[in-house]
Amino acid sequence: MGDTALARALRLHCMQVTGGFHITPADDLPCDTGSLLLISPSEPEFWPHFTTAPEYSDGMPNPLDRWSRRIGDQLAQDFEARALYPFGGPPFQPFYTWALRSGRAWASPIGFLVHDTGGLFISYRMALLVPWRASVATGQPPCDTCEGNPCATACPAGAFIGGYDVPACKGHLHSDEGQDCMAQGCAARRACPVGQGTRLPAQAQFHMKDFL
């Protein structure tokens, strides 16, 4: 077991490691050695894969979370690891903090996480606490070389002026003018030059409906 075997197993589910760090005894985690690995969809191939899963079409709530837990629990069993999820709280696991610590995600000008390859569409379906010292790479903050910070001004509702105005965002999405965001995904996220075109509209629509 190790990095190569895990990467191979993740590819079967159209997922990938998008960050991680080595665990220390000082971490508030249920183990004090090994590594914490952040697991994300590999887009755009993830969405067609997920729509074939039984959770997608069984009519029950939270299909993506239930799928993530089923796959994550199996991976944890197969790799003698432990799976942690960004849902199911409160209390919630500190995925934002873990992402920052990974050295591959940073706070963007609009406050959302921006990833070195996933841009503003980065999402984490789970974290795996693995018992080995994994190879964890770091990246460069994409905002450092981004001209004009287009994400900060792309929102048609001005929901990121002075902080994230959630009511303004949701009000816009309920309006006729907000149907482009509902169909294609958040305009501010789409403005990020990193990872553009990787998230399929059908996946964006799923997340936008879930947000509302």
Protein backbone atom coordinates (compact mmCIF):
# COMPACT_ATOMS: atom_id res chain seq x y z
CA MET A 1 0.00 0.00 0.00
CA GLY A 2 1.14 3.53 -0.68
CA ASP A 3 0.79 6.55 -2.94
CA THR A 4 0.72 4.66 -6.24
CA ALA A 5 -1.86 2.14 -5.13
CA LEU A 6 -4.07 4.85 -3.65
CA ALA A 7 -3.86 6.98 -6.80
CA ARG A 8 -4.88 3.95 -8.82
CA ALA A 9 -7.85 3.27 -6.54
CA LEU A 10 -8.94 6.91 -6.67
CA ARG A 11 -8.84 6.94 -10.46
CA LEU A 12 -11.45 4.17 -10.50
CA HIS A 13 -13.81 6.69 -8.91
CA CYS A 14 -12.56 9.69 -10.92
CA MET A 15 -10.97 11.28 -7.87
CA GLN A 16 -7.48 12.47 -7.03
CA VAL A 17 -5.26 13.74 -4.23
CA THR A 18 -5.22 17.55 -4.35
CA GLY A 19 -3.13 18.30 -1.29
CA GLY A 20 -1.96 16.97 2.00
CA PHE A 21 0.51 17.20 4.85
CA HIS A 22 2.39 14.97 7.26
CA ILE A 23 0.71 14.47 10.60
CA THR A 24 2.50 15.40 13.81
CA PRO A 25 1.65 14.52 17.43
CA ALA A 26 0.58 18.14 17.93
CA ASP A 27 -2.27 17.82 15.42
CA ASP A 28 -5.79 17.39 16.78
CA LEU A 29 -6.35 14.20 14.80
CA PRO A 30 -7.21 10.62 15.77
CA CYS A 31 -3.65 9.54 14.91
CA ASP A 32 -0.22 11.11 15.37
CA THR A 33 1.74 9.65 12.45
CA GLY A 34 1.23 9.24 8.73
CA SER A 35 -0.35 11.80 6.42
CA LEU A 36 -3.61 13.60 5.82
CA LEU A 37 -4.57 13.60 2.13
CA LEU A 38 -7.30 15.82 0.65
CA ILE A 39 -9.37 14.06 -1.99
CA SER A 40 -11.19 15.89 -4.80
CA PRO A 41 -13.12 15.04 -7.96
CA SER A 42 -11.05 14.75 -11.12
CA GLU A 43 -13.00 16.99 -13.47
CA PRO A 44 -14.56 16.90 -15.99
CA GLU A 45 -14.69 13.08 -15.96
CA PHE A 46 -16.04 12.90 -12.41
CA TRP A 47 -19.59 14.00 -13.14
CA PRO A 48 -20.48 11.38 -15.79
CA HIS A 49 -19.02 8.77 -13.44
CA PHE A 50 -21.06 9.94 -10.45
CA THR A 51 -24.33 10.01 -12.39
CA THR A 52 -24.07 6.24 -12.87
CA ALA A 53 -23.97 5.65 -9.09
CA PRO A 54 -27.11 4.38 -7.32
CA GLU A 55 -27.11 7.36 -4.96
CA TYR A 56 -27.58 9.77 -7.85
CA SER A 57 -30.93 8.33 -8.93
CA ASP A 58 -32.42 6.79 -5.77
CA GLY A 59 -34.41 9.91 -4.86
CA MET A 60 -32.94 10.16 -1.37
CA PRO A 61 -31.42 13.38 0.04
CA ASN A 62 -27.74 14.29 -0.24
CA PRO A 63 -26.73 11.87 -2.99
CA LEU A 64 -23.18 13.19 -3.41
CA ASP A 65 -22.46 13.11 0.31
CA ARG A 66 -23.80 9.57 0.61
CA TRP A 67 -21.73 8.46 -2.38
CA SER A 68 -18.64 10.12 -0.90
CA ARG A 69 -19.11 8.35 2.42
CA ARG A 70 -19.60 4.97 0.76
CA ILE A 71 -16.49 5.32 -1.38
CA GLY A 72 -14.43 6.93 1.37
CA ASP A 73 -15.28 4.28 3.94
CA GLN A 74 -14.30 1.56 1.48
CA LEU A 75 -11.02 3.29 0.67
CA ALA A 76 -10.29 3.66 4.37
CA GLN A 77 -10.86 -0.06 4.87
CA ASP A 78 -8.74 -1.03 1.89
CA PHE A 79 -5.79 1.17 2.88
CA GLU A 80 -5.96 0.82 6.67
CA ALA A 81 -6.77 4.51 6.77
CA ARG A 82 -9.46 6.71 8.29
CA ALA A 83 -11.87 8.82 6.25
CA LEU A 84 -13.03 12.26 7.38
CA TYR A 85 -15.72 14.27 5.60
CA PRO A 86 -16.62 17.96 5.17
CA PHE A 87 -20.30 17.20 5.88
CA GLY A 88 -22.24 15.50 8.65
CA GLY A 89 -21.73 18.13 11.36
CA PRO A 90 -21.85 20.05 13.50
CA PRO A 91 -19.12 19.84 14.52
CA PHE A 92 -17.49 20.08 11.11
CA GLN A 93 -13.96 19.06 10.24
CA PRO A 94 -11.58 22.01 9.50
CA PHE A 95 -11.16 21.38 5.77
CA TYR A 96 -10.48 25.06 5.05
CA THR A 97 -7.58 25.04 7.52
CA TRP A 98 -6.29 21.73 6.18
CA ALA A 99 -6.41 23.05 2.63
CA LEU A 100 -4.37 26.12 3.59
CA ARG A 101 -1.86 23.94 5.38
CA SER A 102 -1.43 21.74 2.31
CA GLY A 103 0.40 24.50 0.44
CA ARG A 104 -1.80 24.01 -2.61
CA ALA A 105 -4.78 26.21 -1.67
CA TRP A 106 -5.03 29.82 -0.50
CA ALA A 107 -7.62 32.42 0.39
CA SER A 108 -8.68 34.18 -2.81
CA PRO A 109 -9.66 37.88 -3.08
CA ILE A 110 -13.30 36.81 -2.56
CA GLY A 111 -12.47 34.64 0.45
CA PHE A 112 -13.14 31.28 -1.20
CA LEU A 113 -10.31 28.79 -1.47
CA VAL A 114 -8.34 28.93 -4.70
CA HIS A 115 -6.28 25.89 -5.69
CA ASP A 116 -3.15 25.77 -7.80
CA THR A 117 -4.80 23.56 -10.45
CA GLY A 118 -8.50 23.57 -9.52
CA GLY A 119 -8.88 27.33 -9.21
CA LEU A 120 -12.02 28.53 -7.44
CA PHE A 121 -13.90 25.34 -8.27
CA ILE A 122 -11.77 23.23 -5.92
CA SER A 123 -13.84 20.97 -3.69
CA TYR A 124 -12.93 18.26 -1.23
CA ARG A 125 -15.11 15.17 -0.92
CA MET A 126 -13.08 13.65 1.90
CA ALA A 127 -9.74 13.50 3.66
CA LEU A 128 -7.91 10.25 4.21
CA LEU A 129 -5.64 9.73 7.20
CA VAL A 130 -3.18 7.21 5.79
CA PRO A 131 -0.61 5.34 7.90
CA TRP A 132 2.37 6.11 5.66
CA ARG A 133 4.42 9.23 4.95
CA ALA A 134 2.89 10.22 1.64
CA SER A 135 4.56 12.28 -1.04
CA VAL A 136 2.87 15.68 -0.74
CA ALA A 137 3.67 18.42 -3.24
CA THR A 138 3.14 22.14 -2.82
CA GLY A 139 2.25 24.72 -5.45
CA GLN A 140 2.33 28.42 -6.24
CA PRO A 141 -0.55 30.79 -5.35
CA PRO A 142 -2.26 31.56 -8.68
CA CYS A 143 -3.47 34.94 -7.42
CA ASP A 144 0.14 36.17 -7.24
CA THR A 145 0.34 36.25 -11.03
CA CYS A 146 -3.32 36.95 -11.81
CA GLU A 147 -3.90 40.33 -13.46
CA GLY A 148 -6.80 42.37 -12.17
CA ASN A 149 -8.32 39.81 -9.81
CA PRO A 150 -11.32 39.19 -12.13
CA CYS A 151 -13.09 37.06 -9.50
CA ALA A 152 -13.51 40.15 -7.29
CA THR A 153 -15.64 42.02 -9.84
CA ALA A 154 -17.34 39.24 -11.80
CA CYS A 155 -20.36 38.73 -9.55
CA PRO A 156 -23.42 40.37 -11.23
CA ALA A 157 -25.00 40.94 -7.81
CA GLY A 158 -21.90 42.50 -6.25
CA ALA A 159 -22.04 39.86 -3.54
CA PHE A 160 -18.30 40.07 -2.80
CA ILE A 161 -18.04 43.77 -2.07
CA GLY A 162 -16.88 44.10 1.52
CA GLY A 163 -17.18 40.39 2.24
CA TYR A 164 -19.44 37.61 1.01
CA ASP A 165 -23.08 38.75 1.09
CA VAL A 166 -24.94 35.43 1.09
CA PRO A 167 -28.49 36.93 0.98
CA ALA A 168 -27.53 39.05 -2.04
CA CYS A 169 -26.07 36.00 -3.75
CA LYS A 170 -29.16 33.87 -3.16
CA GLY A 171 -31.48 36.70 -4.12
CA HIS A 172 -29.66 37.02 -7.42
CA LEU A 173 -29.89 33.29 -8.07
CA HIS A 174 -33.65 33.40 -7.58
CA SER A 175 -33.99 36.21 -10.14
CA ASP A 176 -34.20 36.03 -13.92
CA GLU A 177 -30.80 37.69 -14.13
CA GLY A 178 -29.28 34.95 -12.00
CA GLN A 179 -30.15 32.06 -14.28
CA ASP A 180 -26.77 32.19 -16.01
CA CYS A 181 -25.09 31.46 -12.67
CA MET A 182 -27.63 28.73 -11.99
CA ALA A 183 -26.95 27.10 -15.35
CA GLN A 184 -23.18 27.56 -15.61
CA GLY A 185 -22.00 28.00 -12.04
CA CYS A 186 -20.97 31.00 -9.96
CA ALA A 187 -19.73 33.82 -12.21
CA ALA A 188 -17.02 34.78 -9.72
CA ARG A 189 -15.66 31.25 -9.63
CA ARG A 190 -15.79 31.01 -13.42
CA ALA A 191 -13.77 34.22 -13.73
CA CYS A 192 -10.70 32.56 -12.24
CA PRO A 193 -8.31 31.73 -15.10
CA VAL A 194 -7.17 28.53 -13.34
CA GLY A 195 -9.20 25.43 -14.11
CA GLN A 196 -11.61 27.12 -16.49
CA GLY A 197 -13.83 24.76 -18.47
CA THR A 198 -13.23 21.71 -16.31
CA ARG A 199 -16.53 21.73 -14.43
CA LEU A 200 -19.42 20.57 -16.59
CA PRO A 201 -22.61 22.69 -16.56
CA ALA A 202 -24.66 19.76 -15.24
CA GLN A 203 -22.37 19.49 -12.22
CA ALA A 204 -22.49 23.25 -11.66
CA GLN A 205 -26.29 23.17 -11.78
CA PHE A 206 -26.37 20.38 -9.20
CA HIS A 207 -24.25 22.38 -6.75
CA MET A 208 -26.12 25.64 -7.33
CA LYS A 209 -29.48 23.98 -6.64
CA ASP A 210 -28.04 22.39 -3.53
CA PHE A 211 -26.75 25.80 -2.38
CA LEU A 212 -30.23 27.28 -2.59
